[in-house]
Amino acid sequence: MAAKSESSLEKWLLLAFERIIERLVATSKTSNLVKCFPFLEERDGKQVELVAKSVSKGLKDAMEENIREVFEEHDLTKLFAELDRLRAESSNSKSDKAFRPTGNVSDDIRPFLMEILTEEKERLIQHIDEASSEKSALTASVTEKRKKLLETLETFRKEAETLLKTSEVIDSTKAALDSLSQTYKDLEGK
């Protein structure tokens, strides 16, 4: 839609300048041209008219080019769109009258407070969303660490059971060795 408004505005400006040039040339086809270029006085009327047409065409082309350059260089389309937005906002106002306080301060400041409160609400909602996403990330991290801790505890429990079994085997082996040693001593002593 911006391209349409640019082209229509640009066309309107070009048309306006073209009409201005045509009026200038039409009102004094030769008199203004002759005043600007005295050497044309010596020429006949047809040649002066051809020069006038050529000058008006050159002027028109130069103006068209300048208008296009100004549109591109200063981004007039964007500025005109902003102007249209401001016009629409101003036409949407409730009345043409200027603000007059009612005398009731709470009623007078309510529209201003609503704007501030709305902005504050949006900021708080954004803050809550950020905190919620941070909480979710922390919850996931804690859950993962708990899972790893439980796995480590299970590994320790299994190793402890293995050590207890090994200890029992060592104790039973030691008892068997002690028993054998006692039997060997008894046998030697006999």
N, C-alpha and C. Protein backbone atom coordinates (compact mmCIF):
# COMPACT_ATOMS: atom_id res chain seq x y z
N MET A 1 0.83 -1.18 0.00
CA MET A 1 0.00 0.00 0.00
C MET A 1 0.87 1.25 0.00
N ALA A 2 2.09 1.14 0.59
CA ALA A 2 3.00 2.28 0.62
C ALA A 2 3.42 2.67 -0.79
N ALA A 3 3.59 1.67 -1.65
CA ALA A 3 3.99 1.95 -3.03
C ALA A 3 2.88 2.70 -3.75
N LYS A 4 1.61 2.35 -3.47
CA LYS A 4 0.50 3.04 -4.11
C LYS A 4 0.46 4.50 -3.69
N SER A 5 0.61 4.75 -2.38
CA SER A 5 0.54 6.13 -1.91
C SER A 5 1.72 6.93 -2.45
N GLU A 6 2.89 6.27 -2.57
CA GLU A 6 4.05 6.97 -3.12
C GLU A 6 3.79 7.35 -4.57
N SER A 7 3.33 6.39 -5.35
CA SER A 7 3.13 6.69 -6.76
C SER A 7 2.00 7.70 -6.96
N SER A 8 0.94 7.61 -6.19
CA SER A 8 -0.16 8.56 -6.38
C SER A 8 0.25 9.95 -5.94
N LEU A 9 0.98 10.05 -4.85
CA LEU A 9 1.45 11.35 -4.39
C LEU A 9 2.47 11.91 -5.37
N GLU A 10 3.35 11.04 -5.82
CA GLU A 10 4.36 11.46 -6.79
C GLU A 10 3.68 11.93 -8.08
N LYS A 11 2.69 11.17 -8.54
CA LYS A 11 1.96 11.55 -9.75
C LYS A 11 1.25 12.88 -9.56
N TRP A 12 0.67 13.06 -8.37
CA TRP A 12 -0.03 14.30 -8.09
C TRP A 12 0.93 15.49 -8.14
N LEU A 13 2.10 15.34 -7.52
CA LEU A 13 3.09 16.43 -7.55
C LEU A 13 3.56 16.71 -8.98
N LEU A 14 3.82 15.65 -9.72
CA LEU A 14 4.26 15.82 -11.11
C LEU A 14 3.19 16.52 -11.94
N LEU A 15 1.95 16.12 -11.74
CA LEU A 15 0.85 16.74 -12.47
C LEU A 15 0.73 18.22 -12.11
N ALA A 16 0.87 18.53 -10.82
CA ALA A 16 0.78 19.93 -10.38
C ALA A 16 1.89 20.75 -11.02
N PHE A 17 3.12 20.26 -11.01
CA PHE A 17 4.23 21.00 -11.62
C PHE A 17 4.06 21.11 -13.14
N GLU A 18 3.54 20.06 -13.76
CA GLU A 18 3.31 20.11 -15.20
C GLU A 18 2.29 21.19 -15.55
N ARG A 19 1.22 21.31 -14.76
CA ARG A 19 0.21 22.35 -15.01
C ARG A 19 0.80 23.74 -14.82
N ILE A 20 1.66 23.88 -13.80
CA ILE A 20 2.31 25.18 -13.56
C ILE A 20 3.17 25.56 -14.76
N ILE A 21 3.94 24.61 -15.26
CA ILE A 21 4.80 24.88 -16.42
C ILE A 21 3.97 25.21 -17.64
N GLU A 22 2.88 24.42 -17.86
CA GLU A 22 2.01 24.68 -19.02
C GLU A 22 1.42 26.08 -18.95
N ARG A 23 1.00 26.50 -17.76
CA ARG A 23 0.42 27.85 -17.61
C ARG A 23 1.46 28.93 -17.89
N LEU A 24 2.68 28.68 -17.38
CA LEU A 24 3.73 29.66 -17.63
C LEU A 24 4.01 29.80 -19.12
N VAL A 25 4.08 28.66 -19.78
CA VAL A 25 4.38 28.68 -21.21
C VAL A 25 3.19 29.22 -21.98
N ALA A 26 1.95 28.85 -21.60
CA ALA A 26 0.77 29.26 -22.34
C ALA A 26 0.48 30.75 -22.18
N THR A 27 0.69 31.31 -21.00
CA THR A 27 0.35 32.71 -20.79
C THR A 27 1.27 33.65 -21.54
N SER A 28 2.49 33.26 -21.64
CA SER A 28 3.42 34.14 -22.36
C SER A 28 4.36 33.26 -23.16
N LYS A 29 3.82 32.71 -24.23
CA LYS A 29 4.58 31.74 -25.00
C LYS A 29 5.96 32.25 -25.35
N THR A 30 6.01 33.44 -25.79
CA THR A 30 7.31 33.91 -26.25
C THR A 30 7.86 35.06 -25.41
N SER A 31 6.98 35.84 -24.79
CA SER A 31 7.47 37.06 -24.12
C SER A 31 8.44 36.73 -22.98
N ASN A 32 8.09 35.79 -22.09
CA ASN A 32 9.01 35.44 -20.99
C ASN A 32 10.26 34.76 -21.52
N LEU A 33 10.09 33.91 -22.49
CA LEU A 33 11.24 33.21 -23.06
C LEU A 33 12.17 34.19 -23.74
N VAL A 34 11.60 35.15 -24.45
CA VAL A 34 12.41 36.16 -25.15
C VAL A 34 13.11 37.05 -24.13
N LYS A 35 12.43 37.37 -23.03
CA LYS A 35 13.07 38.18 -21.99
C LYS A 35 14.28 37.45 -21.41
N CYS A 36 14.13 36.13 -21.22
CA CYS A 36 15.23 35.35 -20.65
C CYS A 36 16.35 35.12 -21.67
N PHE A 37 15.94 34.92 -22.90
CA PHE A 37 16.91 34.63 -23.96
C PHE A 37 16.73 35.65 -25.10
N PRO A 38 17.37 36.82 -25.02
CA PRO A 38 17.15 37.89 -26.00
C PRO A 38 17.48 37.49 -27.44
N PHE A 39 18.37 36.55 -27.64
CA PHE A 39 18.73 36.16 -29.00
C PHE A 39 17.55 35.53 -29.75
N LEU A 40 16.49 35.11 -29.01
CA LEU A 40 15.33 34.51 -29.64
C LEU A 40 14.45 35.54 -30.36
N GLU A 41 14.65 36.83 -30.07
CA GLU A 41 13.86 37.90 -30.70
C GLU A 41 14.07 37.89 -32.21
N GLU A 42 15.26 37.50 -32.60
CA GLU A 42 15.60 37.52 -34.01
C GLU A 42 14.98 36.34 -34.76
N ARG A 43 14.49 35.35 -34.07
CA ARG A 43 13.93 34.15 -34.71
C ARG A 43 12.44 34.34 -34.98
N ASP A 44 11.90 33.49 -35.84
CA ASP A 44 10.48 33.59 -36.11
C ASP A 44 9.68 32.88 -35.02
N GLY A 45 8.40 33.10 -35.02
CA GLY A 45 7.51 32.61 -33.97
C GLY A 45 7.50 31.11 -33.81
N LYS A 46 7.56 30.37 -34.94
CA LYS A 46 7.52 28.91 -34.85
C LYS A 46 8.75 28.37 -34.15
N GLN A 47 9.90 28.95 -34.44
CA GLN A 47 11.12 28.49 -33.80
C GLN A 47 11.08 28.78 -32.30
N VAL A 48 10.54 29.94 -31.94
CA VAL A 48 10.44 30.29 -30.52
C VAL A 48 9.47 29.34 -29.81
N GLU A 49 8.36 29.00 -30.49
CA GLU A 49 7.42 28.05 -29.90
C GLU A 49 8.07 26.69 -29.71
N LEU A 50 8.86 26.24 -30.69
CA LEU A 50 9.57 24.96 -30.56
C LEU A 50 10.55 25.01 -29.38
N VAL A 51 11.24 26.13 -29.24
CA VAL A 51 12.17 26.28 -28.11
C VAL A 51 11.38 26.28 -26.80
N ALA A 52 10.22 26.97 -26.80
CA ALA A 52 9.39 27.01 -25.59
C ALA A 52 8.92 25.61 -25.21
N LYS A 53 8.49 24.82 -26.20
CA LYS A 53 8.07 23.44 -25.93
C LYS A 53 9.24 22.62 -25.42
N SER A 54 10.39 22.80 -26.04
CA SER A 54 11.57 22.06 -25.63
C SER A 54 11.97 22.42 -24.20
N VAL A 55 11.92 23.71 -23.89
CA VAL A 55 12.26 24.16 -22.53
C VAL A 55 11.26 23.60 -21.53
N SER A 56 9.96 23.67 -21.87
CA SER A 56 8.95 23.17 -20.94
C SER A 56 9.09 21.67 -20.74
N LYS A 57 9.41 20.93 -21.82
CA LYS A 57 9.61 19.48 -21.68
C LYS A 57 10.84 19.20 -20.82
N GLY A 58 11.93 19.93 -21.07
CA GLY A 58 13.14 19.75 -20.27
C GLY A 58 12.90 20.08 -18.81
N LEU A 59 12.15 21.17 -18.58
CA LEU A 59 11.81 21.56 -17.20
C LEU A 59 10.97 20.49 -16.53
N LYS A 60 9.99 19.97 -17.28
CA LYS A 60 9.12 18.94 -16.74
C LYS A 60 9.93 17.69 -16.39
N ASP A 61 10.80 17.26 -17.31
CA ASP A 61 11.62 16.07 -17.04
C ASP A 61 12.55 16.29 -15.85
N ALA A 62 13.14 17.46 -15.76
CA ALA A 62 14.04 17.76 -14.64
C ALA A 62 13.28 17.76 -13.31
N MET A 63 12.06 18.35 -13.33
CA MET A 63 11.26 18.37 -12.11
C MET A 63 10.85 16.96 -11.70
N GLU A 64 10.46 16.14 -12.67
CA GLU A 64 10.08 14.76 -12.37
C GLU A 64 11.26 14.03 -11.72
N GLU A 65 12.43 14.19 -12.29
CA GLU A 65 13.62 13.54 -11.75
C GLU A 65 13.92 14.05 -10.34
N ASN A 66 13.82 15.38 -10.14
CA ASN A 66 14.08 15.94 -8.81
C ASN A 66 13.07 15.44 -7.78
N ILE A 67 11.82 15.36 -8.18
CA ILE A 67 10.79 14.86 -7.26
C ILE A 67 11.08 13.42 -6.87
N ARG A 68 11.43 12.60 -7.85
CA ARG A 68 11.76 11.20 -7.56
C ARG A 68 12.97 11.10 -6.63
N GLU A 69 13.99 11.91 -6.89
CA GLU A 69 15.17 11.90 -6.03
C GLU A 69 14.83 12.31 -4.60
N VAL A 70 14.01 13.34 -4.45
CA VAL A 70 13.61 13.79 -3.11
C VAL A 70 12.83 12.69 -2.41
N PHE A 71 11.92 12.01 -3.13
CA PHE A 71 11.15 10.92 -2.54
C PHE A 71 12.08 9.82 -2.05
N GLU A 72 13.07 9.46 -2.87
CA GLU A 72 13.97 8.38 -2.50
C GLU A 72 14.93 8.81 -1.39
N GLU A 73 15.48 10.01 -1.51
CA GLU A 73 16.51 10.46 -0.58
C GLU A 73 15.97 10.69 0.83
N HIS A 74 14.82 11.28 0.93
CA HIS A 74 14.27 11.64 2.25
C HIS A 74 13.20 10.68 2.72
N ASP A 75 12.96 9.61 1.98
CA ASP A 75 11.96 8.61 2.34
C ASP A 75 10.62 9.28 2.67
N LEU A 76 10.16 10.11 1.73
CA LEU A 76 8.92 10.86 1.94
C LEU A 76 7.71 9.96 2.09
N THR A 77 7.76 8.77 1.49
CA THR A 77 6.64 7.85 1.61
C THR A 77 6.40 7.52 3.08
N LYS A 78 7.48 7.23 3.78
CA LYS A 78 7.38 6.91 5.21
C LYS A 78 6.86 8.11 5.99
N LEU A 79 7.37 9.30 5.66
CA LEU A 79 6.94 10.50 6.37
C LEU A 79 5.47 10.81 6.10
N PHE A 80 5.03 10.64 4.85
CA PHE A 80 3.62 10.87 4.54
C PHE A 80 2.73 9.82 5.22
N ALA A 81 3.22 8.58 5.31
CA ALA A 81 2.45 7.54 6.01
C ALA A 81 2.31 7.92 7.49
N GLU A 82 3.38 8.44 8.09
CA GLU A 82 3.31 8.90 9.48
C GLU A 82 2.33 10.05 9.62
N LEU A 83 2.36 10.97 8.65
CA LEU A 83 1.42 12.09 8.65
C LEU A 83 -0.02 11.59 8.55
N ASP A 84 -0.26 10.61 7.67
CA ASP A 84 -1.60 10.03 7.55
C ASP A 84 -2.04 9.38 8.85
N ARG A 85 -1.11 8.68 9.53
CA ARG A 85 -1.42 8.05 10.81
C ARG A 85 -1.80 9.11 11.85
N LEU A 86 -1.03 10.21 11.88
CA LEU A 86 -1.33 11.29 12.82
C LEU A 86 -2.68 11.93 12.53
N ARG A 87 -2.98 12.11 11.22
CA ARG A 87 -4.29 12.66 10.85
C ARG A 87 -5.41 11.75 11.30
N ALA A 88 -5.22 10.43 11.09
CA ALA A 88 -6.25 9.47 11.49
C ALA A 88 -6.43 9.49 13.00
N GLU A 89 -5.34 9.57 13.74
CA GLU A 89 -5.44 9.63 15.20
C GLU A 89 -6.16 10.90 15.64
N SER A 90 -5.83 12.01 14.99
CA SER A 90 -6.46 13.26 15.39
C SER A 90 -7.94 13.27 15.01
N SER A 91 -8.30 12.60 13.91
CA SER A 91 -9.71 12.57 13.53
C SER A 91 -10.50 11.61 14.42
N ASN A 92 -9.80 10.68 15.07
CA ASN A 92 -10.47 9.75 15.98
C ASN A 92 -10.66 10.33 17.37
N SER A 93 -10.21 11.55 17.58
CA SER A 93 -10.37 12.14 18.91
C SER A 93 -11.85 12.36 19.20
N LYS A 94 -12.18 12.37 20.48
CA LYS A 94 -13.59 12.43 20.87
C LYS A 94 -14.25 13.76 20.56
N SER A 95 -13.47 14.82 20.63
CA SER A 95 -14.05 16.12 20.34
C SER A 95 -12.98 17.03 19.77
N ASP A 96 -13.44 18.13 19.21
CA ASP A 96 -12.51 19.11 18.66
C ASP A 96 -12.05 20.09 19.72
N LYS A 97 -12.63 19.99 20.90
CA LYS A 97 -12.30 20.94 21.96
C LYS A 97 -11.00 20.52 22.64
N ALA A 98 -10.30 21.50 23.17
CA ALA A 98 -9.09 21.23 23.92
C ALA A 98 -9.45 20.65 25.27
N PHE A 99 -8.47 20.01 25.90
CA PHE A 99 -8.71 19.41 27.20
C PHE A 99 -9.00 20.50 28.23
N ARG A 100 -10.07 20.31 28.95
CA ARG A 100 -10.43 21.21 30.03
C ARG A 100 -10.67 20.35 31.27
N PRO A 101 -9.99 20.66 32.35
CA PRO A 101 -10.20 19.86 33.56
C PRO A 101 -11.62 20.01 34.09
N THR A 102 -12.15 18.92 34.63
CA THR A 102 -13.52 18.94 35.15
C THR A 102 -13.56 19.46 36.57
N GLY A 103 -12.41 19.45 37.22
CA GLY A 103 -12.37 19.85 38.62
C GLY A 103 -12.26 18.64 39.52
N ASN A 104 -12.63 17.48 39.01
CA ASN A 104 -12.47 16.23 39.75
C ASN A 104 -11.15 15.61 39.29
N VAL A 105 -10.15 15.69 40.17
CA VAL A 105 -8.80 15.28 39.79
C VAL A 105 -8.75 13.81 39.37
N SER A 106 -9.44 12.96 40.10
CA SER A 106 -9.39 11.53 39.77
C SER A 106 -9.96 11.26 38.38
N ASP A 107 -11.01 11.98 38.00
CA ASP A 107 -11.57 11.82 36.65
C ASP A 107 -10.64 12.40 35.59
N ASP A 108 -9.98 13.50 35.92
CA ASP A 108 -9.11 14.16 34.95
C ASP A 108 -7.85 13.34 34.64
N ILE A 109 -7.32 12.67 35.65
CA ILE A 109 -6.06 11.94 35.42
C ILE A 109 -6.28 10.48 35.04
N ARG A 110 -7.52 10.01 35.09
CA ARG A 110 -7.80 8.60 34.78
C ARG A 110 -7.27 8.18 33.40
N PRO A 111 -7.50 8.95 32.32
CA PRO A 111 -6.98 8.50 31.01
C PRO A 111 -5.44 8.41 31.00
N PHE A 112 -4.80 9.34 31.68
CA PHE A 112 -3.34 9.30 31.72
C PHE A 112 -2.84 8.12 32.56
N LEU A 113 -3.53 7.88 33.67
CA LEU A 113 -3.16 6.75 34.52
C LEU A 113 -3.39 5.43 33.81
N MET A 114 -4.47 5.34 33.03
CA MET A 114 -4.76 4.10 32.31
C MET A 114 -3.64 3.77 31.34
N GLU A 115 -3.14 4.77 30.66
CA GLU A 115 -2.03 4.54 29.73
C GLU A 115 -0.80 4.04 30.48
N ILE A 116 -0.49 4.69 31.61
CA ILE A 116 0.66 4.28 32.42
C ILE A 116 0.45 2.89 32.98
N LEU A 117 -0.75 2.63 33.49
CA LEU A 117 -1.05 1.31 34.06
C LEU A 117 -1.00 0.22 32.99
N THR A 118 -1.46 0.53 31.80
CA THR A 118 -1.41 -0.44 30.71
C THR A 118 0.04 -0.78 30.36
N GLU A 119 0.88 0.24 30.27
CA GLU A 119 2.30 -0.01 29.98
C GLU A 119 2.94 -0.81 31.11
N GLU A 120 2.61 -0.47 32.34
CA GLU A 120 3.15 -1.20 33.50
C GLU A 120 2.68 -2.65 33.49
N LYS A 121 1.41 -2.86 33.13
CA LYS A 121 0.87 -4.22 33.06
C LYS A 121 1.62 -5.03 32.01
N GLU A 122 1.85 -4.43 30.85
CA GLU A 122 2.59 -5.13 29.79
C GLU A 122 4.01 -5.47 30.24
N ARG A 123 4.65 -4.52 30.94
CA ARG A 123 6.01 -4.76 31.43
C ARG A 123 6.01 -5.89 32.46
N LEU A 124 5.02 -5.90 33.36
CA LEU A 124 4.94 -6.95 34.38
C LEU A 124 4.64 -8.31 33.76
N ILE A 125 3.78 -8.33 32.76
CA ILE A 125 3.48 -9.59 32.07
C ILE A 125 4.75 -10.13 31.42
N GLN A 126 5.50 -9.25 30.80
CA GLN A 126 6.77 -9.66 30.18
C GLN A 126 7.72 -10.20 31.26
N HIS A 127 7.78 -9.51 32.39
CA HIS A 127 8.64 -9.95 33.49
C HIS A 127 8.20 -11.32 34.01
N ILE A 128 6.89 -11.52 34.15
CA ILE A 128 6.36 -12.81 34.60
C ILE A 128 6.71 -13.90 33.61
N ASP A 129 6.58 -13.62 32.33
CA ASP A 129 6.92 -14.60 31.30
C ASP A 129 8.40 -14.98 31.39
N GLU A 130 9.25 -13.98 31.56
CA GLU A 130 10.69 -14.26 31.68
C GLU A 130 10.97 -15.09 32.94
N ALA A 131 10.33 -14.72 34.07
CA ALA A 131 10.54 -15.46 35.31
C ALA A 131 10.01 -16.88 35.18
N SER A 132 8.90 -17.04 34.51
CA SER A 132 8.32 -18.37 34.31
C SER A 132 9.23 -19.25 33.47
N SER A 133 9.79 -18.68 32.41
CA SER A 133 10.70 -19.48 31.58
C SER A 133 11.98 -19.81 32.34
N GLU A 134 12.46 -18.87 33.19
CA GLU A 134 13.64 -19.14 34.01
C GLU A 134 13.33 -20.22 35.04
N LYS A 135 12.13 -20.17 35.63
CA LYS A 135 11.71 -21.19 36.59
C LYS A 135 11.65 -22.56 35.93
N SER A 136 11.11 -22.60 34.72
CA SER A 136 11.03 -23.88 33.99
C SER A 136 12.41 -24.44 33.73
N ALA A 137 13.33 -23.56 33.35
CA ALA A 137 14.71 -24.01 33.09
C ALA A 137 15.35 -24.52 34.38
N LEU A 138 15.14 -23.81 35.49
CA LEU A 138 15.71 -24.24 36.77
C LEU A 138 15.08 -25.55 37.24
N THR A 139 13.77 -25.71 37.05
CA THR A 139 13.10 -26.94 37.43
C THR A 139 13.65 -28.12 36.64
N ALA A 140 13.85 -27.91 35.36
CA ALA A 140 14.43 -28.98 34.53
C ALA A 140 15.85 -29.32 35.00
N SER A 141 16.61 -28.30 35.33
CA SER A 141 17.98 -28.51 35.81
C SER A 141 17.99 -29.28 37.13
N VAL A 142 17.11 -28.89 38.07
CA VAL A 142 17.03 -29.57 39.37
C VAL A 142 16.60 -31.02 39.18
N THR A 143 15.62 -31.24 38.32
CA THR A 143 15.15 -32.60 38.05
C THR A 143 16.27 -33.46 37.49
N GLU A 144 17.03 -32.92 36.58
CA GLU A 144 18.15 -33.65 35.98
C GLU A 144 19.22 -33.97 37.04
N LYS A 145 19.52 -32.99 37.90
CA LYS A 145 20.52 -33.22 38.96
C LYS A 145 20.03 -34.25 39.97
N ARG A 146 18.74 -34.21 40.31
CA ARG A 146 18.19 -35.22 41.21
C ARG A 146 18.31 -36.61 40.60
N LYS A 147 18.01 -36.71 39.33
CA LYS A 147 18.09 -37.99 38.63
C LYS A 147 19.52 -38.52 38.68
N LYS A 148 20.50 -37.64 38.41
CA LYS A 148 21.90 -38.06 38.46
C LYS A 148 22.30 -38.46 39.88
N LEU A 149 21.81 -37.72 40.89
CA LEU A 149 22.12 -38.03 42.28
C LEU A 149 21.55 -39.39 42.66
N LEU A 150 20.31 -39.67 42.25
CA LEU A 150 19.70 -40.97 42.54
C LEU A 150 20.48 -42.10 41.86
N GLU A 151 20.91 -41.85 40.63
CA GLU A 151 21.72 -42.86 39.93
C GLU A 151 23.04 -43.09 40.67
N THR A 152 23.67 -42.02 41.15
CA THR A 152 24.92 -42.14 41.90
C THR A 152 24.69 -42.88 43.22
N LEU A 153 23.59 -42.56 43.92
CA LEU A 153 23.27 -43.26 45.16
C LEU A 153 23.03 -44.75 44.91
N GLU A 154 22.34 -45.07 43.83
CA GLU A 154 22.10 -46.48 43.48
C GLU A 154 23.41 -47.19 43.20
N THR A 155 24.32 -46.52 42.51
CA THR A 155 25.64 -47.10 42.22
C THR A 155 26.40 -47.34 43.52
N PHE A 156 26.35 -46.36 44.45
CA PHE A 156 27.02 -46.52 45.75
C PHE A 156 26.40 -47.68 46.55
N ARG A 157 25.07 -47.78 46.52
CA ARG A 157 24.40 -48.87 47.24
C ARG A 157 24.84 -50.21 46.71
N LYS A 158 24.89 -50.34 45.37
CA LYS A 158 25.32 -51.61 44.76
C LYS A 158 26.77 -51.92 45.13
N GLU A 159 27.62 -50.89 45.11
CA GLU A 159 29.03 -51.11 45.47
C GLU A 159 29.16 -51.48 46.94
N ALA A 160 28.31 -50.85 47.80
CA ALA A 160 28.34 -51.18 49.23
C ALA A 160 27.91 -52.63 49.44
N GLU A 161 26.85 -53.06 48.73
CA GLU A 161 26.42 -54.46 48.83
C GLU A 161 27.52 -55.39 48.38
N THR A 162 28.18 -55.03 47.29
CA THR A 162 29.28 -55.85 46.78
C THR A 162 30.40 -55.90 47.82
N LEU A 163 30.71 -54.75 48.44
CA LEU A 163 31.76 -54.72 49.47
C LEU A 163 31.36 -55.54 50.69
N LEU A 164 30.06 -55.47 51.08
CA LEU A 164 29.60 -56.28 52.20
C LEU A 164 29.73 -57.77 51.89
N LYS A 165 29.32 -58.17 50.70
CA LYS A 165 29.44 -59.57 50.30
C LYS A 165 30.90 -59.99 50.28
N THR A 166 31.74 -59.08 49.74
CA THR A 166 33.18 -59.39 49.70
C THR A 166 33.72 -59.49 51.12
N SER A 167 33.24 -58.57 51.98
CA SER A 167 33.68 -58.61 53.38
C SER A 167 33.24 -59.89 54.05
N GLU A 168 31.99 -60.33 53.78
CA GLU A 168 31.51 -61.59 54.35
C GLU A 168 32.34 -62.76 53.83
N VAL A 169 32.66 -62.75 52.55
CA VAL A 169 33.48 -63.82 51.97
C VAL A 169 34.86 -63.80 52.62
N ILE A 170 35.41 -62.59 52.79
CA ILE A 170 36.74 -62.47 53.41
C ILE A 170 36.67 -62.98 54.85
N ASP A 171 35.59 -62.58 55.58
CA ASP A 171 35.43 -63.03 56.96
C ASP A 171 35.29 -64.54 57.02
N SER A 172 34.46 -65.11 56.14
CA SER A 172 34.29 -66.56 56.15
C SER A 172 35.58 -67.26 55.73
N THR A 173 36.31 -66.66 54.80
CA THR A 173 37.59 -67.23 54.37
C THR A 173 38.59 -67.14 55.53
N LYS A 174 38.58 -66.03 56.23
CA LYS A 174 39.48 -65.85 57.37
C LYS A 174 39.13 -66.85 58.45
N ALA A 175 37.82 -67.03 58.70
CA ALA A 175 37.40 -68.00 59.71
C ALA A 175 37.82 -69.40 59.29
N ALA A 176 37.66 -69.71 58.00
CA ALA A 176 38.05 -71.03 57.51
C ALA A 176 39.56 -71.21 57.64
N LEU A 177 40.30 -70.13 57.33
CA LEU A 177 41.77 -70.20 57.44
C LEU A 177 42.18 -70.34 58.91
N ASP A 178 41.49 -69.61 59.77
CA ASP A 178 41.78 -69.73 61.20
C ASP A 178 41.48 -71.16 61.68
N SER A 179 40.38 -71.69 61.21
CA SER A 179 40.00 -73.05 61.58
C SER A 179 41.04 -74.03 61.05
N LEU A 180 41.47 -73.86 59.84
CA LEU A 180 42.50 -74.74 59.26
C LEU A 180 43.82 -74.57 60.00
N SER A 181 44.12 -73.34 60.32
CA SER A 181 45.36 -73.08 61.05
C SER A 181 45.29 -73.75 62.42
N GLN A 182 44.14 -73.69 63.08
CA GLN A 182 43.99 -74.33 64.38
C GLN A 182 44.07 -75.83 64.22
N THR A 183 43.46 -76.34 63.20
CA THR A 183 43.51 -77.79 62.96
C THR A 183 44.93 -78.21 62.67
N TYR A 184 45.64 -77.45 61.91
CA TYR A 184 47.03 -77.77 61.58
C TYR A 184 47.89 -77.73 62.84
N LYS A 185 47.64 -76.76 63.71
CA LYS A 185 48.39 -76.68 64.97
C LYS A 185 48.06 -77.86 65.85
N ASP A 186 46.78 -78.21 65.85
CA ASP A 186 46.38 -79.38 66.66
C ASP A 186 47.03 -80.64 66.10
N LEU A 187 47.08 -80.77 64.87
CA LEU A 187 47.70 -81.93 64.24
C LEU A 187 49.19 -81.94 64.46
N GLU A 188 49.80 -80.89 64.48
CA GLU A 188 51.25 -80.79 64.69
C GLU A 188 51.55 -81.11 66.15
N GLY A 189 50.74 -80.67 67.01
CA GLY A 189 50.94 -80.88 68.42
C GLY A 189 50.69 -82.34 68.81
N LYS A 190 50.10 -83.12 68.08
CA LYS A 190 49.81 -84.48 68.43
C LYS A 190 50.85 -85.34 67.94
